[in-house]
Each structure stands twice: as C-alpha cells, then as structure tokens.
Amino acid sequence: MLRQSQNSPLSREDAREIAIRALTFLAGDAEHMSRFLALSGMGLQDIRTNAQEAPFQAALLEHLMDDEALLLTFCGNENIDPQLIAPALHLLEG
C-alpha cells in the first residue's frame, strides 16, 4: 500500500513501483492499453524494451494524470493515494 504520510517522503523506488503498477493496470485492459499506445506512439516492443527506464515510467504516470477518471480508477484499484502520482512523476523525470 502506498499511502505516504507527510513524515515519510516518496522515494525514487516508490515512484518506480507506482509506474510498474500503472503499466500492469493498463496492460490488464485492452482499451486502456490501446489508448496509451496510440497516444504515446509506442508499440508493444517499445514497452518490452523500455519498461524499466525512468522516461518510459514517467510517460505512464503522465498518461494517468491526463485522464482523471483513469487516474482515480488506478489509484482506487491499487490503493494508492492519488496525490502521490505527481511527486512520483517528478522523481522519475528528475
């Protein structure tokens, strides 16, 4: 469960975990995954090649942040505080 308190800052490893969980979430629904692929211009091979790379992981989180309903569904399913997504994105971008 990723529900950080103000006393426990998000780590880069936490951010990577959130992104991998986001990939798993998107991959579990053909419509969500197809939309991500179409908007990102990536193919399945790109995902296989780049899944562990921070820029790709940041793109996953950015995709979620661009669709509030999708973001809230992901966070609800994964029991992640939605307010952690922006800091996680920032960590992966930096």
C-alpha atoms as a PDB file:
ATOM      1  CA  MET A   1       0.000   0.000   0.000  1.00  0.00           C
ATOM      2  CA  LEU A   2       1.393   3.381  -0.965  1.00  0.00           C
ATOM      3  CA  ARG A   3      -0.288   5.921   1.235  1.00  0.00           C
ATOM      4  CA  GLN A   4       2.624   8.049   2.362  1.00  0.00           C
ATOM      5  CA  SER A   5       2.359  10.430   5.274  1.00  0.00           C
ATOM      6  CA  GLN A   6       3.929  13.853   5.301  1.00  0.00           C
ATOM      7  CA  ASN A   7       6.658  12.416   7.536  1.00  0.00           C
ATOM      8  CA  SER A   8       7.570   9.731   5.007  1.00  0.00           C
ATOM      9  CA  PRO A   9       8.666  11.186   1.669  1.00  0.00           C
ATOM     10  CA  LEU A  10       8.222   9.258  -1.550  1.00  0.00           C
ATOM     11  CA  SER A  11      11.416   7.607  -2.756  1.00  0.00           C
ATOM     12  CA  ARG A  12      12.531   7.050  -6.333  1.00  0.00           C
ATOM     13  CA  GLU A  13      11.995   3.323  -5.767  1.00  0.00           C
ATOM     14  CA  ASP A  14       8.416   4.044  -4.652  1.00  0.00           C
ATOM     15  CA  ALA A  15       7.927   6.074  -7.835  1.00  0.00           C
ATOM     16  CA  ARG A  16       9.242   3.198  -9.959  1.00  0.00           C
ATOM     17  CA  GLU A  17       6.893   0.787  -8.168  1.00  0.00           C
ATOM     18  CA  ILE A  18       3.912   3.045  -8.867  1.00  0.00           C
ATOM     19  CA  ALA A  19       4.865   3.216 -12.544  1.00  0.00           C
ATOM     20  CA  ILE A  20       5.224  -0.555 -12.875  1.00  0.00           C
ATOM     21  CA  ARG A  21       1.857  -0.983 -11.186  1.00  0.00           C
ATOM     22  CA  ALA A  22       0.442   1.550 -13.663  1.00  0.00           C
ATOM     23  CA  LEU A  23       1.813  -0.499 -16.561  1.00  0.00           C
ATOM     24  CA  THR A  24       0.265  -3.652 -15.123  1.00  0.00           C
ATOM     25  CA  PHE A  25      -3.041  -1.828 -14.660  1.00  0.00           C
ATOM     26  CA  LEU A  26      -3.061  -0.526 -18.243  1.00  0.00           C
ATOM     27  CA  ALA A  27      -1.996  -3.892 -19.648  1.00  0.00           C
ATOM     28  CA  GLY A  28      -4.909  -5.536 -17.856  1.00  0.00           C
ATOM     29  CA  ASP A  29      -7.421  -3.675 -20.014  1.00  0.00           C
ATOM     30  CA  ALA A  30      -7.075  -3.806 -23.798  1.00  0.00           C
ATOM     31  CA  GLU A  31      -8.884  -0.495 -24.281  1.00  0.00           C
ATOM     32  CA  HIS A  32      -6.670   1.362 -21.796  1.00  0.00           C
ATOM     33  CA  MET A  33      -3.515  -0.155 -23.248  1.00  0.00           C
ATOM     34  CA  SER A  34      -4.562   0.589 -26.828  1.00  0.00           C
ATOM     35  CA  ARG A  35      -5.227   4.203 -25.909  1.00  0.00           C
ATOM     36  CA  PHE A  36      -1.837   4.546 -24.223  1.00  0.00           C
ATOM     37  CA  LEU A  37      -0.085   3.025 -27.244  1.00  0.00           C
ATOM     38  CA  ALA A  38      -1.967   5.258 -29.676  1.00  0.00           C
ATOM     39  CA  LEU A  39      -1.307   8.456 -27.729  1.00  0.00           C
ATOM     40  CA  SER A  40       2.328   7.664 -26.990  1.00  0.00           C
ATOM     41  CA  GLY A  41       3.174   6.401 -30.467  1.00  0.00           C
ATOM     42  CA  MET A  42       4.757   3.313 -28.943  1.00  0.00           C
ATOM     43  CA  GLY A  43       4.363  -0.317 -29.874  1.00  0.00           C
ATOM     44  CA  LEU A  44       4.434  -3.404 -27.711  1.00  0.00           C
ATOM     45  CA  GLN A  45       8.125  -3.938 -28.457  1.00  0.00           C
ATOM     46  CA  ASP A  46       8.857  -0.414 -27.182  1.00  0.00           C
ATOM     47  CA  ILE A  47       7.183  -1.320 -23.908  1.00  0.00           C
ATOM     48  CA  ARG A  48       9.189  -4.513 -23.572  1.00  0.00           C
ATOM     49  CA  THR A  49      12.396  -2.623 -24.284  1.00  0.00           C
ATOM     50  CA  ASN A  50      11.725   0.418 -22.105  1.00  0.00           C
ATOM     51  CA  ALA A  51       9.582  -0.784 -19.181  1.00  0.00           C
ATOM     52  CA  GLN A  52      12.410  -0.371 -16.663  1.00  0.00           C
ATOM     53  CA  GLU A  53      13.511   3.053 -17.954  1.00  0.00           C
ATOM     54  CA  ALA A  54      12.563   6.164 -15.960  1.00  0.00           C
ATOM     55  CA  PRO A  55      11.449   8.231 -19.006  1.00  0.00           C
ATOM     56  CA  PHE A  56       9.031   5.486 -20.036  1.00  0.00           C
ATOM     57  CA  GLN A  57       7.779   5.131 -16.477  1.00  0.00           C
ATOM     58  CA  ALA A  58       7.250   8.888 -16.324  1.00  0.00           C
ATOM     59  CA  ALA A  59       5.220   8.684 -19.555  1.00  0.00           C
ATOM     60  CA  LEU A  60       2.962   6.098 -17.911  1.00  0.00           C
ATOM     61  CA  LEU A  61       2.275   8.359 -14.951  1.00  0.00           C
ATOM     62  CA  GLU A  62       1.768  11.376 -17.192  1.00  0.00           C
ATOM     63  CA  HIS A  63      -0.769   9.372 -19.190  1.00  0.00           C
ATOM     64  CA  LEU A  64      -2.692   8.625 -15.996  1.00  0.00           C
ATOM     65  CA  MET A  65      -2.575  12.253 -14.920  1.00  0.00           C
ATOM     66  CA  ASP A  66      -4.038  13.330 -18.263  1.00  0.00           C
ATOM     67  CA  ASP A  67      -7.226  11.332 -17.557  1.00  0.00           C
ATOM     68  CA  GLU A  68      -8.622  11.996 -14.095  1.00  0.00           C
ATOM     69  CA  ALA A  69     -11.158   9.153 -14.243  1.00  0.00           C
ATOM     70  CA  LEU A  70      -8.448   6.692 -15.261  1.00  0.00           C
ATOM     71  CA  LEU A  71      -6.134   8.043 -12.556  1.00  0.00           C
ATOM     72  CA  LEU A  72      -8.758   7.649  -9.849  1.00  0.00           C
ATOM     73  CA  THR A  73      -9.657   4.147 -11.029  1.00  0.00           C
ATOM     74  CA  PHE A  74      -5.998   3.125 -10.983  1.00  0.00           C
ATOM     75  CA  CYS A  75      -5.412   4.619  -7.545  1.00  0.00           C
ATOM     76  CA  GLY A  76      -8.574   3.040  -6.166  1.00  0.00           C
ATOM     77  CA  ASN A  77      -7.690  -0.382  -7.560  1.00  0.00           C
ATOM     78  CA  GLU A  78      -4.097  -0.181  -6.335  1.00  0.00           C
ATOM     79  CA  ASN A  79      -4.858   1.541  -3.017  1.00  0.00           C
ATOM     80  CA  ILE A  80      -2.514   4.411  -3.862  1.00  0.00           C
ATOM     81  CA  ASP A  81      -3.136   7.964  -2.733  1.00  0.00           C
ATOM     82  CA  PRO A  82      -3.797   9.946  -5.961  1.00  0.00           C
ATOM     83  CA  GLN A  83      -1.739  12.800  -4.544  1.00  0.00           C
ATOM     84  CA  LEU A  84       1.373  10.610  -4.845  1.00  0.00           C
ATOM     85  CA  ILE A  85       1.254  10.433  -8.636  1.00  0.00           C
ATOM     86  CA  ALA A  86       2.569  13.959  -9.318  1.00  0.00           C
ATOM     87  CA  PRO A  87       5.518  13.606  -6.894  1.00  0.00           C
ATOM     88  CA  ALA A  88       6.286  10.169  -8.366  1.00  0.00           C
ATOM     89  CA  LEU A  89       6.267  11.664 -11.852  1.00  0.00           C
ATOM     90  CA  HIS A  90       8.616  14.424 -10.702  1.00  0.00           C
ATOM     91  CA  LEU A  91      11.043  11.877  -9.229  1.00  0.00           C
ATOM     92  CA  LEU A  92      11.077   9.863 -12.452  1.00  0.00           C
ATOM     93  CA  GLU A  93      11.611  12.964 -14.585  1.00  0.00           C
ATOM     94  CA  GLY A  94      14.484  14.206 -12.452  1.00  0.00           C
END
